[in-house]
């Protein structure tokens, strides 16, 4: 199992690309805590990143899985697709994030933590 890393301060998109490169991929898994404004990136599974954040004090209902494509431009660089998002009891019945406001919250956190530029 590969543990992800928690980010609470901004990192560059090039750093996200480096993390994806370590996986020999053009994308990487991440989990966003919409309440605390932090994100875990790079676990084997979204559930691994989720566990890191839960151990740090996050609440499960605030955690949402995404995939990041650092080489993509525009809104498509964030993909809302993770098994941890399936929560029928909370009204989310898909691997995506069904609520548009929740997607907007996730985007705001990602945009506050991932900035343009080189390391």
N, C-alpha and C. Protein backbone atom coordinates (compact mmCIF):
# COMPACT_ATOMS: atom_id res chain seq x y z
N UNK A 1 0.84 -1.18 0.00
CA UNK A 1 0.00 0.00 0.00
C UNK A 1 0.88 1.24 0.00
N UNK A 2 0.56 2.17 -0.86
CA UNK A 2 1.27 3.44 -0.91
C UNK A 2 0.42 4.49 -0.21
N UNK A 3 1.03 5.14 0.74
CA UNK A 3 0.32 6.18 1.47
C UNK A 3 0.37 7.48 0.69
N UNK A 4 -0.72 8.20 0.72
CA UNK A 4 -0.76 9.51 0.11
C UNK A 4 -0.14 10.54 1.04
N UNK A 5 -0.23 11.78 0.60
CA UNK A 5 0.27 12.89 1.39
C UNK A 5 -0.86 13.88 1.59
N UNK A 6 -0.89 14.51 2.75
CA UNK A 6 -1.91 15.52 3.04
C UNK A 6 -1.32 16.90 2.74
N UNK A 7 -2.11 17.70 2.03
CA UNK A 7 -1.71 19.06 1.71
C UNK A 7 -2.72 20.03 2.30
N UNK A 8 -2.21 20.96 3.12
CA UNK A 8 -3.06 21.99 3.70
C UNK A 8 -2.60 23.38 3.28
N UNK A 9 -1.46 23.44 2.60
CA UNK A 9 -0.95 24.67 2.04
C UNK A 9 -0.76 24.47 0.54
N UNK A 10 -0.77 25.55 -0.22
CA UNK A 10 -0.71 25.41 -1.68
C UNK A 10 0.54 24.70 -2.21
N UNK A 11 0.30 23.91 -3.25
CA UNK A 11 1.36 23.28 -4.01
C UNK A 11 1.14 23.65 -5.48
N UNK A 12 2.16 23.46 -6.28
CA UNK A 12 2.00 23.80 -7.70
C UNK A 12 1.42 22.63 -8.47
N UNK A 13 0.87 22.96 -9.60
CA UNK A 13 0.35 21.92 -10.47
C UNK A 13 1.49 21.02 -10.95
N UNK A 14 2.68 21.58 -11.10
CA UNK A 14 3.83 20.75 -11.50
C UNK A 14 4.16 19.72 -10.42
N UNK A 15 3.93 20.06 -9.15
CA UNK A 15 4.14 19.09 -8.06
C UNK A 15 3.11 17.97 -8.16
N UNK A 16 1.87 18.31 -8.50
CA UNK A 16 0.85 17.27 -8.70
C UNK A 16 1.26 16.38 -9.87
N UNK A 17 1.81 16.97 -10.91
CA UNK A 17 2.28 16.19 -12.06
C UNK A 17 3.41 15.25 -11.65
N UNK A 18 4.31 15.70 -10.78
CA UNK A 18 5.38 14.83 -10.28
C UNK A 18 4.81 13.66 -9.50
N UNK A 19 3.80 13.92 -8.69
CA UNK A 19 3.17 12.84 -7.92
C UNK A 19 2.53 11.82 -8.87
N UNK A 20 1.88 12.31 -9.94
CA UNK A 20 1.29 11.41 -10.93
C UNK A 20 2.38 10.64 -11.67
N UNK A 21 3.48 11.32 -12.00
CA UNK A 21 4.59 10.66 -12.69
C UNK A 21 5.15 9.50 -11.87
N UNK A 22 5.15 9.66 -10.54
CA UNK A 22 5.63 8.58 -9.67
C UNK A 22 4.78 7.32 -9.85
N UNK A 23 3.54 7.51 -10.27
CA UNK A 23 2.62 6.40 -10.55
C UNK A 23 2.70 5.97 -12.01
N UNK A 24 3.60 6.65 -12.76
CA UNK A 24 3.72 6.41 -14.20
C UNK A 24 2.38 6.62 -14.88
N UNK A 25 1.76 7.75 -14.54
CA UNK A 25 0.42 8.05 -15.02
C UNK A 25 0.29 9.55 -15.31
N UNK A 26 -0.74 9.91 -16.05
CA UNK A 26 -1.02 11.32 -16.29
C UNK A 26 -2.12 11.83 -15.35
N UNK A 27 -2.53 11.00 -14.40
CA UNK A 27 -3.55 11.40 -13.42
C UNK A 27 -3.21 10.76 -12.08
N UNK A 28 -3.84 11.29 -11.02
CA UNK A 28 -3.60 10.77 -9.67
C UNK A 28 -4.87 10.92 -8.84
N UNK A 29 -5.05 9.99 -7.91
CA UNK A 29 -6.21 10.01 -7.01
C UNK A 29 -5.99 11.03 -5.90
N UNK A 30 -7.10 11.61 -5.44
CA UNK A 30 -7.06 12.55 -4.33
C UNK A 30 -8.39 12.49 -3.59
N UNK A 31 -8.36 12.93 -2.34
CA UNK A 31 -9.58 13.06 -1.54
C UNK A 31 -9.55 14.45 -0.92
N UNK A 32 -10.66 15.15 -1.05
CA UNK A 32 -10.79 16.53 -0.57
C UNK A 32 -11.69 16.55 0.67
N UNK A 33 -11.24 17.27 1.69
CA UNK A 33 -12.07 17.56 2.86
C UNK A 33 -12.62 18.96 2.66
N UNK A 34 -13.91 19.04 2.32
CA UNK A 34 -14.52 20.33 2.01
C UNK A 34 -14.70 21.20 3.25
N UNK A 35 -14.73 20.63 4.43
CA UNK A 35 -14.90 21.41 5.66
C UNK A 35 -13.57 22.00 6.13
N UNK A 36 -12.51 21.21 6.07
CA UNK A 36 -11.21 21.68 6.57
C UNK A 36 -10.35 22.31 5.48
N UNK A 37 -10.73 22.16 4.23
CA UNK A 37 -9.97 22.76 3.15
C UNK A 37 -8.62 22.12 2.92
N UNK A 38 -8.54 20.81 3.14
CA UNK A 38 -7.30 20.06 2.92
C UNK A 38 -7.55 18.96 1.91
N UNK A 39 -6.45 18.37 1.43
CA UNK A 39 -6.57 17.33 0.41
C UNK A 39 -5.45 16.32 0.60
N UNK A 40 -5.79 15.05 0.45
CA UNK A 40 -4.79 13.98 0.44
C UNK A 40 -4.64 13.51 -1.01
N UNK A 41 -3.40 13.32 -1.42
CA UNK A 41 -3.12 12.94 -2.80
C UNK A 41 -2.15 11.76 -2.80
N UNK A 42 -2.43 10.76 -3.66
CA UNK A 42 -1.44 9.75 -3.96
C UNK A 42 -1.54 8.40 -3.31
N UNK A 43 -2.62 8.10 -2.63
CA UNK A 43 -2.78 6.75 -2.08
C UNK A 43 -3.07 5.75 -3.19
N UNK A 44 -2.86 4.48 -2.90
CA UNK A 44 -3.19 3.43 -3.88
C UNK A 44 -4.66 3.51 -4.28
N UNK A 45 -5.50 3.72 -3.28
CA UNK A 45 -6.95 3.83 -3.48
C UNK A 45 -7.43 5.14 -2.87
N UNK A 46 -8.57 5.61 -3.34
CA UNK A 46 -9.16 6.78 -2.69
C UNK A 46 -9.38 6.48 -1.20
N UNK A 47 -9.70 5.25 -0.89
CA UNK A 47 -9.93 4.86 0.51
C UNK A 47 -8.68 5.04 1.36
N UNK A 48 -7.49 4.90 0.76
CA UNK A 48 -6.24 5.12 1.50
C UNK A 48 -6.09 6.60 1.87
N UNK A 49 -6.38 7.48 0.90
CA UNK A 49 -6.33 8.92 1.18
C UNK A 49 -7.41 9.30 2.19
N UNK A 50 -8.58 8.70 2.04
CA UNK A 50 -9.68 8.94 2.98
C UNK A 50 -9.25 8.56 4.40
N UNK A 51 -8.60 7.41 4.55
CA UNK A 51 -8.15 6.95 5.86
C UNK A 51 -7.14 7.92 6.48
N UNK A 52 -6.24 8.46 5.66
CA UNK A 52 -5.27 9.45 6.16
C UNK A 52 -6.00 10.66 6.76
N UNK A 53 -6.98 11.14 6.02
CA UNK A 53 -7.71 12.32 6.49
C UNK A 53 -8.56 12.01 7.71
N UNK A 54 -9.17 10.84 7.74
CA UNK A 54 -9.96 10.46 8.92
C UNK A 54 -9.07 10.37 10.16
N UNK A 55 -7.86 9.83 10.01
CA UNK A 55 -6.92 9.72 11.12
C UNK A 55 -6.48 11.11 11.61
N UNK A 56 -6.57 12.09 10.73
CA UNK A 56 -6.18 13.46 11.05
C UNK A 56 -7.34 14.24 11.67
N UNK A 57 -8.53 13.65 11.71
CA UNK A 57 -9.67 14.30 12.33
C UNK A 57 -10.77 14.73 11.40
N UNK A 58 -10.67 14.40 10.13
CA UNK A 58 -11.74 14.74 9.18
C UNK A 58 -12.98 13.90 9.47
N UNK A 59 -14.13 14.41 9.06
CA UNK A 59 -15.38 13.65 9.16
C UNK A 59 -15.68 13.04 7.80
N UNK A 60 -16.10 11.81 7.79
CA UNK A 60 -16.32 11.09 6.53
C UNK A 60 -17.28 11.83 5.61
N UNK A 61 -18.31 12.45 6.16
CA UNK A 61 -19.29 13.13 5.32
C UNK A 61 -18.71 14.35 4.60
N UNK A 62 -17.52 14.80 5.00
CA UNK A 62 -16.87 15.95 4.36
C UNK A 62 -15.85 15.53 3.30
N UNK A 63 -15.65 14.22 3.13
CA UNK A 63 -14.60 13.72 2.24
C UNK A 63 -15.17 13.26 0.91
N UNK A 64 -14.53 13.70 -0.18
CA UNK A 64 -14.98 13.38 -1.53
C UNK A 64 -13.78 13.01 -2.39
N UNK A 65 -13.92 11.90 -3.11
CA UNK A 65 -12.84 11.41 -3.96
C UNK A 65 -12.89 12.02 -5.35
N UNK A 66 -11.71 12.35 -5.85
CA UNK A 66 -11.57 12.92 -7.18
C UNK A 66 -10.31 12.33 -7.83
N UNK A 67 -10.15 12.60 -9.11
CA UNK A 67 -8.91 12.31 -9.82
C UNK A 67 -8.44 13.62 -10.42
N UNK A 68 -7.13 13.84 -10.37
CA UNK A 68 -6.55 15.06 -10.91
C UNK A 68 -5.71 14.73 -12.14
N UNK A 69 -5.91 15.50 -13.19
CA UNK A 69 -5.17 15.37 -14.44
C UNK A 69 -4.36 16.66 -14.62
N UNK A 70 -3.17 16.75 -14.03
CA UNK A 70 -2.43 18.02 -14.01
C UNK A 70 -2.05 18.56 -15.39
N UNK A 71 -2.02 17.74 -16.41
CA UNK A 71 -1.69 18.20 -17.75
C UNK A 71 -2.87 18.77 -18.51
N UNK A 72 -4.07 18.63 -17.96
CA UNK A 72 -5.28 19.12 -18.62
C UNK A 72 -5.54 20.58 -18.26
N UNK A 73 -6.14 21.30 -19.19
CA UNK A 73 -6.55 22.68 -18.93
C UNK A 73 -8.05 22.71 -18.70
N UNK A 74 -8.49 23.75 -18.04
CA UNK A 74 -9.92 23.94 -17.83
C UNK A 74 -10.48 23.05 -16.74
N UNK A 75 -11.80 23.01 -16.64
CA UNK A 75 -12.45 22.27 -15.56
C UNK A 75 -12.26 20.76 -15.64
N UNK A 76 -11.90 20.24 -16.82
CA UNK A 76 -11.73 18.80 -16.97
C UNK A 76 -10.53 18.22 -16.26
N UNK A 77 -9.70 19.07 -15.66
CA UNK A 77 -8.54 18.53 -14.95
C UNK A 77 -8.94 17.88 -13.63
N UNK A 78 -10.17 18.17 -13.17
CA UNK A 78 -10.71 17.52 -11.98
C UNK A 78 -11.82 16.58 -12.42
N UNK A 79 -11.67 15.29 -12.11
CA UNK A 79 -12.68 14.29 -12.44
C UNK A 79 -13.33 13.81 -11.15
N UNK A 80 -14.63 13.89 -11.09
CA UNK A 80 -15.39 13.47 -9.91
C UNK A 80 -15.78 12.01 -10.07
N UNK A 81 -14.90 11.10 -9.65
CA UNK A 81 -15.15 9.68 -9.83
C UNK A 81 -14.36 8.88 -8.80
N UNK A 82 -15.06 8.33 -7.82
CA UNK A 82 -14.41 7.52 -6.79
C UNK A 82 -15.46 6.65 -6.09
N UNK A 83 -15.07 5.45 -5.78
CA UNK A 83 -15.97 4.54 -5.07
C UNK A 83 -16.41 5.11 -3.72
N UNK A 84 -15.54 5.88 -3.06
CA UNK A 84 -15.91 6.41 -1.74
C UNK A 84 -17.05 7.41 -1.83
N UNK A 85 -17.36 7.89 -3.03
CA UNK A 85 -18.45 8.86 -3.20
C UNK A 85 -19.83 8.22 -3.19
N UNK A 86 -19.90 6.91 -3.32
CA UNK A 86 -21.21 6.24 -3.32
C UNK A 86 -21.74 6.25 -1.89
N UNK A 87 -22.75 7.08 -1.66
CA UNK A 87 -23.33 7.24 -0.33
C UNK A 87 -24.83 7.43 -0.44
N UNK A 88 -25.55 6.37 -0.67
CA UNK A 88 -27.01 6.50 -0.80
C UNK A 88 -27.66 7.19 0.40
N UNK A 89 -27.17 6.93 1.59
CA UNK A 89 -27.77 7.54 2.79
C UNK A 89 -27.64 9.06 2.78
N UNK A 90 -26.63 9.57 2.03
CA UNK A 90 -26.42 11.01 1.92
C UNK A 90 -26.94 11.57 0.60
N UNK A 91 -27.65 10.73 -0.16
CA UNK A 91 -28.22 11.19 -1.42
C UNK A 91 -27.28 11.16 -2.61
N UNK A 92 -26.10 10.58 -2.44
CA UNK A 92 -25.16 10.48 -3.57
C UNK A 92 -25.09 9.01 -3.97
N UNK A 93 -25.74 8.69 -5.07
CA UNK A 93 -25.88 7.29 -5.48
C UNK A 93 -24.91 6.88 -6.57
N UNK A 94 -23.97 7.75 -6.92
CA UNK A 94 -23.02 7.42 -7.99
C UNK A 94 -21.59 7.57 -7.49
N UNK A 95 -20.66 7.17 -8.34
CA UNK A 95 -19.24 7.35 -8.04
C UNK A 95 -18.84 8.80 -8.24
N UNK A 96 -19.69 9.56 -8.91
CA UNK A 96 -19.45 10.98 -9.10
C UNK A 96 -19.88 11.76 -7.88
N UNK A 97 -20.01 13.06 -8.05
CA UNK A 97 -20.54 13.93 -7.00
C UNK A 97 -21.79 14.55 -7.62
N UNK A 98 -22.95 14.08 -7.18
CA UNK A 98 -24.20 14.42 -7.84
C UNK A 98 -24.65 15.87 -7.61
N UNK A 99 -24.33 16.44 -6.47
CA UNK A 99 -24.79 17.78 -6.11
C UNK A 99 -23.86 18.84 -6.72
N UNK A 100 -24.38 19.72 -7.58
CA UNK A 100 -23.53 20.75 -8.20
C UNK A 100 -22.85 21.68 -7.19
N UNK A 101 -23.53 22.00 -6.09
CA UNK A 101 -22.90 22.86 -5.08
C UNK A 101 -21.74 22.14 -4.41
N UNK A 102 -21.87 20.84 -4.16
CA UNK A 102 -20.77 20.07 -3.56
C UNK A 102 -19.58 20.02 -4.53
N UNK A 103 -19.85 19.85 -5.83
CA UNK A 103 -18.76 19.89 -6.82
C UNK A 103 -18.07 21.25 -6.79
N UNK A 104 -18.84 22.32 -6.67
CA UNK A 104 -18.26 23.66 -6.60
C UNK A 104 -17.39 23.81 -5.35
N UNK A 105 -17.85 23.28 -4.22
CA UNK A 105 -17.04 23.32 -2.99
C UNK A 105 -15.72 22.60 -3.20
N UNK A 106 -15.77 21.42 -3.80
CA UNK A 106 -14.56 20.64 -4.04
C UNK A 106 -13.62 21.42 -4.94
N UNK A 107 -14.15 22.01 -6.01
CA UNK A 107 -13.32 22.82 -6.92
C UNK A 107 -12.65 23.98 -6.18
N UNK A 108 -13.40 24.64 -5.31
CA UNK A 108 -12.82 25.77 -4.56
C UNK A 108 -11.65 25.31 -3.70
N UNK A 109 -11.79 24.16 -3.03
CA UNK A 109 -10.69 23.66 -2.20
C UNK A 109 -9.49 23.32 -3.08
N UNK A 110 -9.73 22.60 -4.17
CA UNK A 110 -8.62 22.22 -5.07
C UNK A 110 -7.94 23.48 -5.61
N UNK A 111 -8.71 24.46 -6.05
CA UNK A 111 -8.14 25.68 -6.61
C UNK A 111 -7.37 26.49 -5.56
N UNK A 112 -7.75 26.36 -4.29
CA UNK A 112 -7.00 27.06 -3.25
C UNK A 112 -5.69 26.35 -2.90
N UNK A 113 -5.65 25.03 -3.18
CA UNK A 113 -4.47 24.25 -2.80
C UNK A 113 -3.52 23.97 -3.96
N UNK A 114 -4.00 24.03 -5.19
CA UNK A 114 -3.14 23.74 -6.34
C UNK A 114 -3.08 24.99 -7.19
N UNK A 115 -1.87 25.55 -7.27
CA UNK A 115 -1.67 26.80 -7.99
C UNK A 115 -0.81 26.56 -9.22
N UNK A 116 -0.87 27.49 -10.15
CA UNK A 116 -0.04 27.39 -11.35
C UNK A 116 1.41 27.60 -10.99
N UNK A 117 2.29 27.15 -11.85
CA UNK A 117 3.71 27.42 -11.64
C UNK A 117 4.54 26.18 -11.48
N UNK A 118 5.82 26.43 -11.38
CA UNK A 118 6.82 25.37 -11.21
C UNK A 118 7.29 25.36 -9.77
N UNK A 119 7.74 24.20 -9.30
CA UNK A 119 8.31 24.09 -7.95
C UNK A 119 9.67 24.77 -7.92
